[in-house]
Amino acid sequence: MKVTLDLPDEWADCLPAKEEDLAEIVVAGLQRRKSRVTHEIHHLADIVDTLAELPSPAQVMALRPSPALSERITVLLHKRRNEGLSSEEQAEWDDIMRVEHLVRIAKAKAAIKLRSEPAHK
């Protein structure tokens, strides 16, 4: 599909020279936008975007990894247990674990808020 966009001049220097690179950028942006609606986490940056929007407790409880991210986590976990991770994979794993910890804290606090709401008493 061909799309024509009018962008502010300040973004002109950021545009890639290759059309396929631009398509990749647009797809990534659309995936991140969809993530906010479905509460699926495709990339770890989606967590930052979602939490920066100050979601409701119910929205926090609905956060979950996308099937693709879940599969990546499974692959890394299997490799970590069986053969060890490369330094790049270890850095990725460490990032995933930090974000997982933050999401667990956010969900625990959201659950407390949901339990204390009048409708849930």
Protein backbone atom coordinates (compact mmCIF):
# COMPACT_ATOMS: atom_id res chain seq x y z
CA MET A 1 0.00 0.00 0.00
CA LYS A 2 1.29 3.45 -0.87
CA VAL A 3 0.88 6.22 1.71
CA THR A 4 1.63 9.92 1.34
CA LEU A 5 2.42 11.91 4.47
CA ASP A 6 3.00 15.56 5.25
CA LEU A 7 5.59 15.77 8.02
CA PRO A 8 7.00 18.84 9.74
CA ASP A 9 10.29 20.02 8.23
CA GLU A 10 12.12 19.25 11.48
CA TRP A 11 11.71 15.52 10.75
CA ALA A 12 13.11 15.67 7.21
CA ASP A 13 16.70 14.99 8.33
CA CYS A 14 15.53 11.93 10.27
CA LEU A 15 13.96 10.16 7.31
CA PRO A 16 15.92 7.20 5.96
CA ALA A 17 17.03 7.17 2.34
CA LYS A 18 15.59 3.73 1.59
CA GLU A 19 11.85 3.28 1.23
CA GLU A 20 11.92 -0.10 3.00
CA ASP A 21 13.61 1.50 6.02
CA LEU A 22 10.83 4.07 6.21
CA ALA A 23 8.23 1.30 5.95
CA GLU A 24 9.93 -0.47 8.88
CA ILE A 25 9.73 2.72 10.96
CA VAL A 26 6.04 3.18 10.15
CA VAL A 27 5.25 -0.45 11.00
CA ALA A 28 7.11 -0.18 14.32
CA GLY A 29 5.19 2.98 15.18
CA LEU A 30 1.88 1.37 14.30
CA GLN A 31 2.72 -1.68 16.41
CA ARG A 32 3.51 0.54 19.39
CA ARG A 33 0.26 2.44 18.88
CA LYS A 34 -1.67 -0.84 18.71
CA SER A 35 0.10 -1.99 21.88
CA ARG A 36 -1.36 0.91 23.80
CA VAL A 37 -4.87 -0.07 22.72
CA THR A 38 -4.52 -3.82 23.31
CA HIS A 39 -2.20 -3.50 26.33
CA GLU A 40 0.19 -5.95 24.70
CA ILE A 41 3.89 -5.42 25.15
CA HIS A 42 5.75 -5.95 21.89
CA HIS A 43 8.94 -4.19 22.90
CA LEU A 44 10.20 -3.21 26.31
CA ALA A 45 9.84 0.46 25.36
CA ASP A 46 6.07 -0.15 25.21
CA ILE A 47 6.08 -0.42 29.02
CA VAL A 48 7.58 3.03 29.38
CA ASP A 49 5.08 4.47 26.89
CA THR A 50 2.15 2.78 28.60
CA LEU A 51 3.12 3.73 32.14
CA ALA A 52 3.89 7.30 31.08
CA GLU A 53 0.24 7.63 30.07
CA LEU A 54 -0.78 6.94 33.71
CA PRO A 55 -3.09 4.01 33.00
CA SER A 56 -5.95 3.02 35.27
CA PRO A 57 -5.38 0.11 37.66
CA ALA A 58 -7.48 -2.11 35.38
CA GLN A 59 -5.30 -1.18 32.40
CA VAL A 60 -2.16 -2.02 34.37
CA MET A 61 -3.62 -5.39 35.32
CA ALA A 62 -4.35 -6.04 31.61
CA LEU A 63 -0.70 -5.56 30.56
CA ARG A 64 0.78 -8.67 28.99
CA PRO A 65 3.57 -9.50 26.58
CA SER A 66 2.72 -10.00 22.93
CA PRO A 67 3.01 -13.56 21.60
CA ALA A 68 6.26 -12.54 19.84
CA LEU A 69 7.80 -11.15 23.04
CA SER A 70 6.62 -14.19 25.02
CA GLU A 71 8.32 -16.43 22.47
CA ARG A 72 11.54 -14.39 22.70
CA ILE A 73 11.50 -14.69 26.48
CA THR A 74 10.98 -18.46 26.18
CA VAL A 75 13.88 -18.77 23.74
CA LEU A 76 16.21 -16.74 25.95
CA LEU A 77 15.17 -18.67 29.07
CA HIS A 78 15.79 -22.02 27.37
CA LYS A 79 19.14 -20.90 26.02
CA ARG A 80 20.11 -19.41 29.39
CA ARG A 81 19.39 -22.70 31.16
CA ASN A 82 20.97 -24.99 28.57
CA GLU A 83 23.88 -23.34 26.81
CA GLY A 84 24.33 -19.85 28.18
CA LEU A 85 23.65 -16.45 26.65
CA SER A 86 25.89 -14.26 24.55
CA SER A 87 26.75 -10.88 26.05
CA GLU A 88 24.08 -9.22 23.85
CA GLU A 89 21.49 -11.79 24.88
CA GLN A 90 22.46 -11.40 28.54
CA ALA A 91 21.95 -7.64 28.26
CA GLU A 92 18.55 -8.26 26.66
CA TRP A 93 17.66 -10.75 29.41
CA ASP A 94 18.70 -8.28 32.11
CA ASP A 95 16.48 -5.61 30.53
CA ILE A 96 13.56 -8.04 30.41
CA MET A 97 14.04 -8.95 34.08
CA ARG A 98 14.18 -5.28 35.15
CA VAL A 99 11.00 -4.49 33.25
CA GLU A 100 9.29 -7.64 34.55
CA HIS A 101 10.10 -6.52 38.09
CA LEU A 102 8.62 -3.06 37.45
CA VAL A 103 5.48 -4.55 35.90
CA ARG A 104 5.01 -6.88 38.89
CA ILE A 105 5.27 -3.92 41.27
CA ALA A 106 2.84 -1.89 39.14
CA LYS A 107 0.38 -4.80 39.03
CA ALA A 108 0.63 -5.38 42.79
CA LYS A 109 -0.14 -1.72 43.46
CA ALA A 110 -2.94 -1.74 40.88
CA ALA A 111 -4.48 -4.80 42.54
CA ILE A 112 -4.45 -3.03 45.90
CA LYS A 113 -6.16 0.00 44.35
CA LEU A 114 -8.77 -2.17 42.68
CA ARG A 115 -9.55 -3.95 45.95
CA SER A 116 -9.93 -0.64 47.78
CA GLU A 117 -12.34 0.87 45.22
CA PRO A 118 -15.93 1.13 46.52
CA ALA A 119 -17.32 -1.02 43.68
CA HIS A 120 -15.12 -3.92 44.79
CA LYS A 121 -16.11 -3.88 48.46
